[in-house]
Amino acid sequence: MTDRRRTRSEIIRAIRDFFHSKSFLETDTPSLVQSPGMEPHIRPIEARHPLSSEKVFLPTSPEFAMKRLLADGYERIFQLCKAYRLEPRSHTHNPEFTMLEWYRANSGYEAIMSDVEELFAAIARVVPGAPPLPRPWPRFTIEECFRRFAGLELTKLFDAEALRAVCVERGWLGRASPPQQWDDLFFLVMMNAVEPGLAALGMPAIVYLYPESQAALSNLVTDERGFKWAKRFEVYAGGFELGNAFDELVDAREQRRRFEKDMALRKKLYGDEFPASPIDEEFLAAVAKMPPSGGIAMGVDRIVMYFTGAADINDVLWLPSHWR
């Protein structure tokens, strides 16, 4: 029987060795933050001190802190740390998880794609019986994924009602279901058609150029037809998503506009039950000073699952989680 704990340790050692060999600095940013992130659907875990009225959170990602370091002039940085998201436990998600995040200044997300392929090759060398990793990996735009795996033309489905009709027709959504946000319908297609199609490839794949509405902290690009796409990519392997990367936005004014839009959406969807965090002004000041950069966040637990063939995230933790 595979000793997945020992393999986990070897994988983490290989990750560190890989980045040190590439002249990256390992960073160590705070575990208590005032603004854990602005994504509308990611719920942070609040930490309270009985002698303080200050509201702080456990980080959902070290992203904001690491980008401040990019603005301070550190060009290649990586971090291995715990991250926390108050979401239901599943076979691929635990509310407390280990994250790998890295950034390259003066690079785009294409350099991060190459890093990912090289990193996985380095990990495979220390894992007996690792899955085959022929290179280069398949790379698909999200538009190509919809066409290839779902038989849909994404650019004809940017209207929520049109996409909803497809989801109902295919049985992914009940006719009596309440109205859905366009992004929620998009993820129904991903979950029911695109992700199974990617899994059937039998090897890792990179999916890039996402819809404009999912730009988050990434740059936008306009194609020859006039459609805007987010310069971001996700890594898929073993039937699930392992990482999310951005060609990083360095326009502080545009980033503030997106944050304010996200705050309004969170208020609309969740009301006072799930209030938005305050905008991190130190982060926005850093964005204004950041050089063009590429960066990615990857779930280490999921990476270990992929390389060991584990069916549940608990199978690759040192001690099983009791979150429900």
C-alpha atoms as a PDB file:
ATOM      1  CA  MET A   1       0.000   0.000   0.000  1.00  0.00           C
ATOM      2  CA  THR A   2       1.328   3.434  -0.935  1.00  0.00           C
ATOM      3  CA  ASP A   3       2.486   5.502   2.040  1.00  0.00           C
ATOM      4  CA  ARG A   4       0.810   8.713   0.898  1.00  0.00           C
ATOM      5  CA  ARG A   5       2.077  10.683   3.881  1.00  0.00           C
ATOM      6  CA  ARG A   6       5.665   9.915   2.955  1.00  0.00           C
ATOM      7  CA  THR A   7       4.927  10.674  -0.695  1.00  0.00           C
ATOM      8  CA  ARG A   8       3.367  13.990   0.340  1.00  0.00           C
ATOM      9  CA  SER A   9       6.581  14.905   2.138  1.00  0.00           C
ATOM     10  CA  GLU A  10       8.676  14.001  -0.908  1.00  0.00           C
ATOM     11  CA  ILE A  11       6.421  16.051  -3.191  1.00  0.00           C
ATOM     12  CA  ILE A  12       6.708  19.125  -0.965  1.00  0.00           C
ATOM     13  CA  ARG A  13      10.487  18.685  -0.874  1.00  0.00           C
ATOM     14  CA  ALA A  14      10.514  18.448  -4.694  1.00  0.00           C
ATOM     15  CA  ILE A  15       8.427  21.622  -4.951  1.00  0.00           C
ATOM     16  CA  ARG A  16      10.869  23.563  -2.791  1.00  0.00           C
ATOM     17  CA  ASP A  17      13.880  22.159  -4.633  1.00  0.00           C
ATOM     18  CA  PHE A  18      12.327  23.117  -7.968  1.00  0.00           C
ATOM     19  CA  PHE A  19      11.760  26.751  -7.040  1.00  0.00           C
ATOM     20  CA  HIS A  20      15.129  27.132  -5.345  1.00  0.00           C
ATOM     21  CA  SER A  21      16.748  25.794  -8.531  1.00  0.00           C
ATOM     22  CA  LYS A  22      14.928  28.541 -10.453  1.00  0.00           C
ATOM     23  CA  SER A  23      16.224  31.275  -8.087  1.00  0.00           C
ATOM     24  CA  PHE A  24      12.849  31.929  -6.462  1.00  0.00           C
ATOM     25  CA  LEU A  25      12.695  33.311  -2.914  1.00  0.00           C
ATOM     26  CA  GLU A  26      10.394  31.529  -0.469  1.00  0.00           C
ATOM     27  CA  THR A  27       8.137  34.020   1.309  1.00  0.00           C
ATOM     28  CA  ASP A  28       6.270  33.798   4.609  1.00  0.00           C
ATOM     29  CA  THR A  29       3.320  36.183   4.834  1.00  0.00           C
ATOM     30  CA  PRO A  30       0.834  36.799   7.708  1.00  0.00           C
ATOM     31  CA  SER A  31      -1.798  34.257   8.751  1.00  0.00           C
ATOM     32  CA  LEU A  32      -4.147  36.889  10.175  1.00  0.00           C
ATOM     33  CA  VAL A  33      -5.377  39.498   7.689  1.00  0.00           C
ATOM     34  CA  GLN A  34      -7.957  42.278   7.641  1.00  0.00           C
ATOM     35  CA  SER A  35      -9.015  41.690   4.033  1.00  0.00           C
ATOM     36  CA  PRO A  36      -8.863  38.026   2.992  1.00  0.00           C
ATOM     37  CA  GLY A  37     -10.094  38.518  -0.575  1.00  0.00           C
ATOM     38  CA  MET A  38     -12.989  39.970  -2.538  1.00  0.00           C
ATOM     39  CA  GLU A  39     -14.320  37.029  -4.573  1.00  0.00           C
ATOM     40  CA  PRO A  40     -18.127  37.023  -4.195  1.00  0.00           C
ATOM     41  CA  HIS A  41     -18.464  33.287  -3.532  1.00  0.00           C
ATOM     42  CA  ILE A  42     -15.397  32.603  -1.362  1.00  0.00           C
ATOM     43  CA  ARG A  43     -16.259  32.814   2.322  1.00  0.00           C
ATOM     44  CA  PRO A  44     -13.362  33.455   4.733  1.00  0.00           C
ATOM     45  CA  ILE A  45     -13.068  32.179   8.299  1.00  0.00           C
ATOM     46  CA  GLU A  46     -13.128  34.956  10.882  1.00  0.00           C
ATOM     47  CA  ALA A  47     -10.702  34.868  13.812  1.00  0.00           C
ATOM     48  CA  ARG A  48     -11.663  36.597  17.058  1.00  0.00           C
ATOM     49  CA  HIS A  49      -9.593  37.670  20.050  1.00  0.00           C
ATOM     50  CA  PRO A  50     -11.502  38.184  23.325  1.00  0.00           C
ATOM     51  CA  LEU A  51      -9.459  41.284  24.192  1.00  0.00           C
ATOM     52  CA  SER A  52      -9.721  43.013  20.814  1.00  0.00           C
ATOM     53  CA  SER A  53     -12.592  44.421  18.769  1.00  0.00           C
ATOM     54  CA  GLU A  54     -10.552  44.281  15.577  1.00  0.00           C
ATOM     55  CA  LYS A  55     -11.957  41.918  12.955  1.00  0.00           C
ATOM     56  CA  VAL A  56      -9.383  39.679  11.300  1.00  0.00           C
ATOM     57  CA  PHE A  57      -9.561  36.609   9.077  1.00  0.00           C
ATOM     58  CA  LEU A  58      -7.554  33.561   8.182  1.00  0.00           C
ATOM     59  CA  PRO A  59      -6.248  34.058   4.624  1.00  0.00           C
ATOM     60  CA  THR A  60      -8.072  32.458   1.708  1.00  0.00           C
ATOM     61  CA  SER A  61      -4.815  32.903  -0.231  1.00  0.00           C
ATOM     62  CA  PRO A  62      -1.507  34.740   0.275  1.00  0.00           C
ATOM     63  CA  GLU A  63      -2.133  36.612  -2.990  1.00  0.00           C
ATOM     64  CA  PHE A  64      -2.607  40.150  -1.662  1.00  0.00           C
ATOM     65  CA  ALA A  65       0.473  39.928   0.566  1.00  0.00           C
ATOM     66  CA  MET A  66       2.678  38.389  -2.112  1.00  0.00           C
ATOM     67  CA  LYS A  67       1.741  41.057  -4.634  1.00  0.00           C
ATOM     68  CA  ARG A  68       2.863  43.696  -2.148  1.00  0.00           C
ATOM     69  CA  LEU A  69       6.242  41.947  -2.234  1.00  0.00           C
ATOM     70  CA  LEU A  70       6.241  42.076  -6.044  1.00  0.00           C
ATOM     71  CA  ALA A  71       5.655  45.819  -5.765  1.00  0.00           C
ATOM     72  CA  ASP A  72       8.630  46.006  -3.372  1.00  0.00           C
ATOM     73  CA  GLY A  73      10.889  44.639  -6.104  1.00  0.00           C
ATOM     74  CA  TYR A  74      11.057  40.882  -5.439  1.00  0.00           C
ATOM     75  CA  GLU A  75      10.869  39.387  -8.918  1.00  0.00           C
ATOM     76  CA  ARG A  76      10.525  35.626  -8.314  1.00  0.00           C
ATOM     77  CA  ILE A  77       8.695  34.487  -5.198  1.00  0.00           C
ATOM     78  CA  PHE A  78       6.867  31.383  -4.029  1.00  0.00           C
ATOM     79  CA  GLN A  79       5.045  30.322  -0.895  1.00  0.00           C
ATOM     80  CA  LEU A  80       3.767  27.093   0.653  1.00  0.00           C
ATOM     81  CA  CYS A  81       1.189  27.829   3.325  1.00  0.00           C
ATOM     82  CA  LYS A  82      -2.170  26.979   4.824  1.00  0.00           C
ATOM     83  CA  ALA A  83      -5.241  28.676   3.347  1.00  0.00           C
ATOM     84  CA  TYR A  84      -8.805  28.628   4.673  1.00  0.00           C
ATOM     85  CA  ARG A  85     -12.188  28.813   2.968  1.00  0.00           C
ATOM     86  CA  LEU A  86     -15.488  28.207   4.740  1.00  0.00           C
ATOM     87  CA  GLU A  87     -16.974  25.895   2.145  1.00  0.00           C
ATOM     88  CA  PRO A  88     -18.497  22.414   2.514  1.00  0.00           C
ATOM     89  CA  ARG A  89     -16.009  19.592   2.664  1.00  0.00           C
ATOM     90  CA  SER A  90     -15.921  17.327  -0.399  1.00  0.00           C
ATOM     91  CA  HIS A  91     -13.638  14.612  -1.739  1.00  0.00           C
ATOM     92  CA  THR A  92     -11.461  17.326  -3.337  1.00  0.00           C
ATOM     93  CA  HIS A  93     -11.873  20.206  -0.855  1.00  0.00           C
ATOM     94  CA  ASN A  94     -11.119  20.718   2.810  1.00  0.00           C
ATOM     95  CA  PRO A  95     -11.797  24.125   4.453  1.00  0.00           C
ATOM     96  CA  GLU A  96      -8.165  24.105   5.643  1.00  0.00           C
ATOM     97  CA  PHE A  97      -5.765  23.220   2.844  1.00  0.00           C
ATOM     98  CA  THR A  98      -2.172  23.656   1.730  1.00  0.00           C
ATOM     99  CA  MET A  99      -1.570  26.143  -1.060  1.00  0.00           C
ATOM    100  CA  LEU A 100       1.374  26.697  -3.364  1.00  0.00           C
ATOM    101  CA  GLU A 101       1.515  30.144  -4.893  1.00  0.00           C
ATOM    102  CA  TRP A 102       4.202  31.727  -7.046  1.00  0.00           C
ATOM    103  CA  TYR A 103       4.774  34.880  -9.089  1.00  0.00           C
ATOM    104  CA  ARG A 104       7.146  36.024 -11.808  1.00  0.00           C
ATOM    105  CA  ALA A 105       7.675  39.752 -12.309  1.00  0.00           C
ATOM    106  CA  ASN A 106       8.174  41.007 -15.867  1.00  0.00           C
ATOM    107  CA  SER A 107       6.552  37.860 -17.254  1.00  0.00           C
ATOM    108  CA  GLY A 108       3.138  36.874 -18.543  1.00  0.00           C
ATOM    109  CA  TYR A 109       1.008  33.868 -17.779  1.00  0.00           C
ATOM    110  CA  GLU A 110       2.665  31.935 -20.610  1.00  0.00           C
ATOM    111  CA  ALA A 111       5.795  31.653 -18.436  1.00  0.00           C
ATOM    112  CA  ILE A 112       3.651  30.267 -15.619  1.00  0.00           C
ATOM    113  CA  MET A 113       2.260  27.613 -17.979  1.00  0.00           C
ATOM    114  CA  SER A 114       5.814  26.453 -18.646  1.00  0.00           C
ATOM    115  CA  ASP A 115       6.610  26.512 -14.923  1.00  0.00           C
ATOM    116  CA  VAL A 116       3.662  24.220 -14.201  1.00  0.00           C
ATOM    117  CA  GLU A 117       4.740  21.643 -16.772  1.00  0.00           C
ATOM    118  CA  GLU A 118       8.331  21.692 -15.510  1.00  0.00           C
ATOM    119  CA  LEU A 119       7.215  21.485 -11.867  1.00  0.00           C
ATOM    120  CA  PHE A 120       5.067  18.424 -12.526  1.00  0.00           C
ATOM    121  CA  ALA A 121       7.961  16.760 -14.348  1.00  0.00           C
ATOM    122  CA  ALA A 122      10.174  17.422 -11.305  1.00  0.00           C
ATOM    123  CA  ILE A 123       7.561  15.942  -8.965  1.00  0.00           C
ATOM    124  CA  ALA A 124       7.116  12.880 -11.176  1.00  0.00           C
ATOM    125  CA  ARG A 125      10.813  12.089 -10.791  1.00  0.00           C
ATOM    126  CA  VAL A 126      10.391  11.526  -7.023  1.00  0.00           C
ATOM    127  CA  VAL A 127       7.065   9.640  -7.111  1.00  0.00           C
ATOM    128  CA  PRO A 128       7.350   5.952  -8.015  1.00  0.00           C
ATOM    129  CA  GLY A 129       4.663   5.000 -10.499  1.00  0.00           C
ATOM    130  CA  ALA A 130       3.751   8.624 -11.237  1.00  0.00           C
ATOM    131  CA  PRO A 131       1.217   9.169 -14.044  1.00  0.00           C
ATOM    132  CA  PRO A 132       2.796   9.671 -17.492  1.00  0.00           C
ATOM    133  CA  LEU A 133       3.334  13.331 -18.315  1.00  0.00           C
ATOM    134  CA  PRO A 134       4.125  13.750 -22.018  1.00  0.00           C
ATOM    135  CA  ARG A 135       4.924  17.313 -23.025  1.00  0.00           C
ATOM    136  CA  PRO A 136       3.715  19.691 -24.166  1.00  0.00           C
ATOM    137  CA  TRP A 137       0.387  19.370 -22.380  1.00  0.00           C
ATOM    138  CA  PRO A 138      -2.830  19.990 -24.321  1.00  0.00           C
ATOM    139  CA  ARG A 139      -3.862  23.642 -24.174  1.00  0.00           C
ATOM    140  CA  PHE A 140      -7.411  24.712 -24.972  1.00  0.00           C
ATOM    141  CA  THR A 141      -9.166  28.054 -24.820  1.00  0.00           C
ATOM    142  CA  ILE A 142     -12.396  27.886 -22.852  1.00  0.00           C
ATOM    143  CA  GLU A 143     -14.213  28.529 -26.129  1.00  0.00           C
ATOM    144  CA  GLU A 144     -12.551  25.433 -27.620  1.00  0.00           C
ATOM    145  CA  CYS A 145     -13.509  23.415 -24.532  1.00  0.00           C
ATOM    146  CA  PHE A 146     -17.187  24.324 -24.877  1.00  0.00           C
ATOM    147  CA  ARG A 147     -17.104  23.386 -28.550  1.00  0.00           C
ATOM    148  CA  ARG A 148     -15.123  20.150 -28.132  1.00  0.00           C
ATOM    149  CA  PHE A 149     -16.585  18.719 -24.925  1.00  0.00           C
ATOM    150  CA  ALA A 150     -20.079  20.239 -24.794  1.00  0.00           C
ATOM    151  CA  GLY A 151     -20.866  20.848 -28.475  1.00  0.00           C
ATOM    152  CA  LEU A 152     -21.670  24.482 -27.696  1.00  0.00           C
ATOM    153  CA  GLU A 153     -20.620  27.809 -29.188  1.00  0.00           C
ATOM    154  CA  LEU A 154     -19.824  29.854 -26.104  1.00  0.00           C
ATOM    155  CA  THR A 155     -19.944  33.224 -27.864  1.00  0.00           C
ATOM    156  CA  LYS A 156     -23.604  32.577 -28.741  1.00  0.00           C
ATOM    157  CA  LEU A 157     -24.452  31.931 -25.092  1.00  0.00           C
ATOM    158  CA  PHE A 158     -23.334  35.087 -23.325  1.00  0.00           C
ATOM    159  CA  ASP A 159     -27.002  35.818 -22.542  1.00  0.00           C
ATOM    160  CA  ALA A 160     -28.095  34.157 -19.277  1.00  0.00           C
ATOM    161  CA  GLU A 161     -31.457  33.058 -20.672  1.00  0.00           C
ATOM    162  CA  ALA A 162     -29.834  31.369 -23.669  1.00  0.00           C
ATOM    163  CA  LEU A 163     -27.369  29.490 -21.467  1.00  0.00           C
ATOM    164  CA  ARG A 164     -30.107  28.592 -19.000  1.00  0.00           C
ATOM    165  CA  ALA A 165     -32.169  27.083 -21.824  1.00  0.00           C
ATOM    166  CA  VAL A 166     -29.230  24.844 -22.771  1.00  0.00           C
ATOM    167  CA  CYS A 167     -28.766  23.705 -19.167  1.00  0.00           C
ATOM    168  CA  VAL A 168     -32.473  22.882 -18.837  1.00  0.00           C
ATOM    169  CA  GLU A 169     -32.540  21.062 -22.181  1.00  0.00           C
ATOM    170  CA  ARG A 170     -29.598  18.874 -21.158  1.00  0.00           C
ATOM    171  CA  GLY A 171     -31.030  18.068 -17.756  1.00  0.00           C
ATOM    172  CA  TRP A 172     -28.425  19.957 -15.766  1.00  0.00           C
ATOM    173  CA  LEU A 173     -31.022  22.368 -14.365  1.00  0.00           C
ATOM    174  CA  GLY A 174     -34.688  21.922 -13.511  1.00  0.00           C
ATOM    175  CA  ARG A 175     -37.238  23.990 -15.411  1.00  0.00           C
ATOM    176  CA  ALA A 176     -38.639  25.311 -12.138  1.00  0.00           C
ATOM    177  CA  SER A 177     -35.223  26.311 -10.783  1.00  0.00           C
ATOM    178  CA  PRO A 178     -34.902  29.956  -9.664  1.00  0.00           C
ATOM    179  CA  PRO A 179     -33.015  32.399 -11.901  1.00  0.00           C
ATOM    180  CA  GLN A 180     -29.256  31.852 -11.973  1.00  0.00           C
ATOM    181  CA  GLN A 181     -26.313  34.188 -12.462  1.00  0.00           C
ATOM    182  CA  TRP A 182     -24.617  33.661 -15.848  1.00  0.00           C
ATOM    183  CA  ASP A 183     -21.413  32.490 -14.166  1.00  0.00           C
ATOM    184  CA  ASP A 184     -23.352  29.846 -12.202  1.00  0.00           C
ATOM    185  CA  LEU A 185     -24.789  28.495 -15.463  1.00  0.00           C
ATOM    186  CA  PHE A 186     -21.319  28.528 -17.008  1.00  0.00           C
ATOM    187  CA  PHE A 187     -20.055  26.350 -14.159  1.00  0.00           C
ATOM    188  CA  LEU A 188     -22.904  23.896 -14.713  1.00  0.00           C
ATOM    189  CA  VAL A 189     -21.581  23.334 -18.233  1.00  0.00           C
ATOM    190  CA  MET A 190     -18.054  23.021 -16.876  1.00  0.00           C
ATOM    191  CA  MET A 191     -19.063  20.469 -14.248  1.00  0.00           C
ATOM    192  CA  ASN A 192     -21.288  18.350 -16.480  1.00  0.00           C
ATOM    193  CA  ALA A 193     -19.460  18.419 -19.818  1.00  0.00           C
ATOM    194  CA  VAL A 194     -16.098  20.171 -19.897  1.00  0.00           C
ATOM    195  CA  GLU A 195     -14.469  18.712 -16.786  1.00  0.00           C
ATOM    196  CA  PRO A 196     -15.447  15.098 -17.651  1.00  0.00           C
ATOM    197  CA  GLY A 197     -14.109  15.689 -21.167  1.00  0.00           C
ATOM    198  CA  LEU A 198     -10.802  16.953 -19.816  1.00  0.00           C
ATOM    199  CA  ALA A 199     -10.582  13.994 -17.430  1.00  0.00           C
ATOM    200  CA  ALA A 200     -11.042  11.589 -20.343  1.00  0.00           C
ATOM    201  CA  LEU A 201      -7.833  12.922 -21.925  1.00  0.00           C
ATOM    202  CA  GLY A 202      -5.890  10.932 -19.343  1.00  0.00           C
ATOM    203  CA  MET A 203      -3.267  13.643 -18.844  1.00  0.00           C
ATOM    204  CA  PRO A 204      -3.041  17.189 -17.473  1.00  0.00           C
ATOM    205  CA  ALA A 205      -4.397  20.042 -19.582  1.00  0.00           C
ATOM    206  CA  ILE A 206      -4.354  23.830 -19.472  1.00  0.00           C
ATOM    207  CA  VAL A 207      -7.545  25.795 -20.139  1.00  0.00           C
ATOM    208  CA  TYR A 208      -7.094  29.505 -20.825  1.00  0.00           C
ATOM    209  CA  LEU A 209      -8.834  32.728 -21.940  1.00  0.00           C
ATOM    210  CA  TYR A 210     -11.937  32.711 -19.749  1.00  0.00           C
ATOM    211  CA  PRO A 211     -15.047  34.900 -20.128  1.00  0.00           C
ATOM    212  CA  GLU A 212     -14.645  38.567 -19.241  1.00  0.00           C
ATOM    213  CA  SER A 213     -16.963  38.201 -16.230  1.00  0.00           C
ATOM    214  CA  GLN A 214     -14.386  35.911 -14.607  1.00  0.00           C
ATOM    215  CA  ALA A 215     -11.396  38.216 -14.979  1.00  0.00           C
ATOM    216  CA  ALA A 216     -11.041  38.753 -11.193  1.00  0.00           C
ATOM    217  CA  LEU A 217      -7.437  40.024 -10.864  1.00  0.00           C
ATOM    218  CA  SER A 218      -6.323  39.258 -14.426  1.00  0.00           C
ATOM    219  CA  ASN A 219      -5.813  41.321 -17.559  1.00  0.00           C
ATOM    220  CA  LEU A 220      -8.276  41.325 -20.451  1.00  0.00           C
ATOM    221  CA  VAL A 221      -7.593  40.817 -24.139  1.00  0.00           C
ATOM    222  CA  THR A 222      -9.916  41.586 -27.064  1.00  0.00           C
ATOM    223  CA  ASP A 223      -9.943  39.143 -29.972  1.00  0.00           C
ATOM    224  CA  GLU A 224     -10.388  39.988 -33.662  1.00  0.00           C
ATOM    225  CA  ARG A 225     -14.178  39.544 -33.349  1.00  0.00           C
ATOM    226  CA  GLY A 226     -14.424  42.085 -30.542  1.00  0.00           C
ATOM    227  CA  PHE A 227     -14.982  39.558 -27.716  1.00  0.00           C
ATOM    228  CA  LYS A 228     -13.138  40.244 -24.463  1.00  0.00           C
ATOM    229  CA  TRP A 229     -11.446  37.379 -22.623  1.00  0.00           C
ATOM    230  CA  ALA A 230      -9.699  37.138 -19.262  1.00  0.00           C
ATOM    231  CA  LYS A 231      -6.006  36.280 -19.535  1.00  0.00           C
ATOM    232  CA  ARG A 232      -6.110  33.522 -16.965  1.00  0.00           C
ATOM    233  CA  PHE A 233      -5.769  29.766 -17.069  1.00  0.00           C
ATOM    234  CA  GLU A 234      -6.648  26.743 -14.973  1.00  0.00           C
ATOM    235  CA  VAL A 235      -4.800  23.445 -14.670  1.00  0.00           C
ATOM    236  CA  TYR A 236      -6.890  20.268 -14.863  1.00  0.00           C
ATOM    237  CA  ALA A 237      -5.651  16.760 -14.079  1.00  0.00           C
ATOM    238  CA  GLY A 238      -7.220  13.615 -12.695  1.00  0.00           C
ATOM    239  CA  GLY A 239     -10.721  14.949 -13.177  1.00  0.00           C
ATOM    240  CA  PHE A 240     -10.429  18.133 -11.110  1.00  0.00           C
ATOM    241  CA  GLU A 241      -8.946  21.613 -11.145  1.00  0.00           C
ATOM    242  CA  LEU A 242      -5.502  21.911  -9.559  1.00  0.00           C
ATOM    243  CA  GLY A 243      -4.594  25.548 -10.065  1.00  0.00           C
ATOM    244  CA  ASN A 244      -5.722  28.985 -11.182  1.00  0.00           C
ATOM    245  CA  ALA A 245      -3.346  31.476 -12.842  1.00  0.00           C
ATOM    246  CA  PHE A 246      -3.521  35.114 -13.916  1.00  0.00           C
ATOM    247  CA  ASP A 247      -1.729  37.422 -16.266  1.00  0.00           C
ATOM    248  CA  GLU A 248      -1.806  39.912 -13.416  1.00  0.00           C
ATOM    249  CA  LEU A 249      -3.769  43.151 -13.591  1.00  0.00           C
ATOM    250  CA  VAL A 250      -1.590  46.137 -12.650  1.00  0.00           C
ATOM    251  CA  ASP A 251      -4.218  48.866 -13.125  1.00  0.00           C
ATOM    252  CA  ALA A 252      -5.260  49.889  -9.600  1.00  0.00           C
ATOM    253  CA  ARG A 253      -8.243  51.933 -10.772  1.00  0.00           C
ATOM    254  CA  GLU A 254      -9.670  49.012 -12.752  1.00  0.00           C
ATOM    255  CA  GLN A 255      -8.984  46.651  -9.845  1.00  0.00           C
ATOM    256  CA  ARG A 256     -10.932  48.926  -7.491  1.00  0.00           C
ATOM    257  CA  ARG A 257     -13.836  48.987  -9.939  1.00  0.00           C
ATOM    258  CA  ARG A 258     -13.901  45.182 -10.030  1.00  0.00           C
ATOM    259  CA  PHE A 259     -13.719  44.952  -6.242  1.00  0.00           C
ATOM    260  CA  GLU A 260     -16.661  47.326  -5.887  1.00  0.00           C
ATOM    261  CA  LYS A 261     -18.622  45.272  -8.411  1.00  0.00           C
ATOM    262  CA  ASP A 262     -17.814  42.085  -6.484  1.00  0.00           C
ATOM    263  CA  MET A 263     -18.919  43.693  -3.215  1.00  0.00           C
ATOM    264  CA  ALA A 264     -22.242  44.694  -4.754  1.00  0.00           C
ATOM    265  CA  LEU A 265     -22.783  41.174  -6.099  1.00  0.00           C
ATOM    266  CA  ARG A 266     -22.002  39.612  -2.720  1.00  0.00           C
ATOM    267  CA  LYS A 267     -24.478  41.991  -1.060  1.00  0.00           C
ATOM    268  CA  LYS A 268     -27.127  41.050  -3.629  1.00  0.00           C
ATOM    269  CA  LEU A 269     -26.575  37.309  -3.250  1.00  0.00           C
ATOM    270  CA  TYR A 270     -25.951  36.972   0.487  1.00  0.00           C
ATOM    271  CA  GLY A 271     -27.057  40.179   2.201  1.00  0.00           C
ATOM    272  CA  ASP A 272     -25.777  40.609   5.759  1.00  0.00           C
ATOM    273  CA  GLU A 273     -25.276  36.858   6.188  1.00  0.00           C
ATOM    274  CA  PHE A 274     -22.012  37.043   4.254  1.00  0.00           C
ATOM    275  CA  PRO A 275     -20.747  40.658   4.334  1.00  0.00           C
ATOM    276  CA  ALA A 276     -17.924  41.745   2.063  1.00  0.00           C
ATOM    277  CA  SER A 277     -14.494  42.406   3.505  1.00  0.00           C
ATOM    278  CA  PRO A 278     -13.168  45.968   3.331  1.00  0.00           C
ATOM    279  CA  ILE A 279     -11.114  46.847   0.281  1.00  0.00           C
ATOM    280  CA  ASP A 280      -7.430  46.413   1.049  1.00  0.00           C
ATOM    281  CA  GLU A 281      -6.011  49.853   0.289  1.00  0.00           C
ATOM    282  CA  GLU A 282      -2.424  48.708   0.849  1.00  0.00           C
ATOM    283  CA  PHE A 283      -2.976  46.046  -1.781  1.00  0.00           C
ATOM    284  CA  LEU A 284      -4.360  48.547  -4.301  1.00  0.00           C
ATOM    285  CA  ALA A 285      -1.390  50.824  -3.667  1.00  0.00           C
ATOM    286  CA  ALA A 286       0.857  47.851  -4.428  1.00  0.00           C
ATOM    287  CA  VAL A 287      -1.035  47.038  -7.642  1.00  0.00           C
ATOM    288  CA  ALA A 288      -0.246  50.537  -8.882  1.00  0.00           C
ATOM    289  CA  LYS A 289       3.487  49.830  -8.433  1.00  0.00           C
ATOM    290  CA  MET A 290       3.585  46.215  -9.640  1.00  0.00           C
ATOM    291  CA  PRO A 291       5.472  45.344 -12.812  1.00  0.00           C
ATOM    292  CA  PRO A 292       3.715  43.181 -15.420  1.00  0.00           C
ATOM    293  CA  SER A 293       3.593  39.747 -13.798  1.00  0.00           C
ATOM    294  CA  GLY A 294       2.242  36.233 -13.989  1.00  0.00           C
ATOM    295  CA  GLY A 295       1.136  34.208 -10.996  1.00  0.00           C
ATOM    296  CA  ILE A 296      -0.671  31.049  -9.950  1.00  0.00           C
ATOM    297  CA  ALA A 297      -2.221  29.380  -6.906  1.00  0.00           C
ATOM    298  CA  MET A 298      -2.266  25.572  -6.758  1.00  0.00           C
ATOM    299  CA  GLY A 299      -3.760  23.178  -4.222  1.00  0.00           C
ATOM    300  CA  VAL A 300      -0.964  21.000  -2.847  1.00  0.00           C
ATOM    301  CA  ASP A 301      -3.372  18.426  -1.416  1.00  0.00           C
ATOM    302  CA  ARG A 302      -4.896  17.987  -4.868  1.00  0.00           C
ATOM    303  CA  ILE A 303      -1.458  17.694  -6.448  1.00  0.00           C
ATOM    304  CA  VAL A 304      -0.687  14.862  -4.018  1.00  0.00           C
ATOM    305  CA  MET A 305      -4.054  13.271  -4.832  1.00  0.00           C
ATOM    306  CA  TYR A 306      -3.193  13.330  -8.519  1.00  0.00           C
ATOM    307  CA  PHE A 307       0.259  11.799  -8.141  1.00  0.00           C
ATOM    308  CA  THR A 308      -0.846   9.098  -5.675  1.00  0.00           C
ATOM    309  CA  GLY A 309      -4.221   8.255  -7.211  1.00  0.00           C
ATOM    310  CA  ALA A 310      -6.063   9.076  -3.975  1.00  0.00           C
ATOM    311  CA  ALA A 311      -9.851   9.250  -4.244  1.00  0.00           C
ATOM    312  CA  ASP A 312     -10.395  11.567  -1.264  1.00  0.00           C
ATOM    313  CA  ILE A 313      -8.456  14.556   0.031  1.00  0.00           C
ATOM    314  CA  ASN A 314      -8.440  13.010   3.517  1.00  0.00           C
ATOM    315  CA  ASP A 315      -6.295  10.215   2.100  1.00  0.00           C
ATOM    316  CA  VAL A 316      -3.371  12.604   1.538  1.00  0.00           C
ATOM    317  CA  LEU A 317      -3.490  14.627   4.776  1.00  0.00           C
ATOM    318  CA  TRP A 318      -1.220  13.834   7.706  1.00  0.00           C
ATOM    319  CA  LEU A 319      -4.329  13.640   9.875  1.00  0.00           C
ATOM    320  CA  PRO A 320      -7.862  13.361   8.470  1.00  0.00           C
ATOM    321  CA  SER A 321     -10.118  16.385   8.572  1.00  0.00           C
ATOM    322  CA  HIS A 322     -13.302  16.343  10.640  1.00  0.00           C
ATOM    323  CA  TRP A 323     -14.868  19.365   8.919  1.00  0.00           C
ATOM    324  CA  ARG A 324     -18.404  18.814   7.708  1.00  0.00           C
END
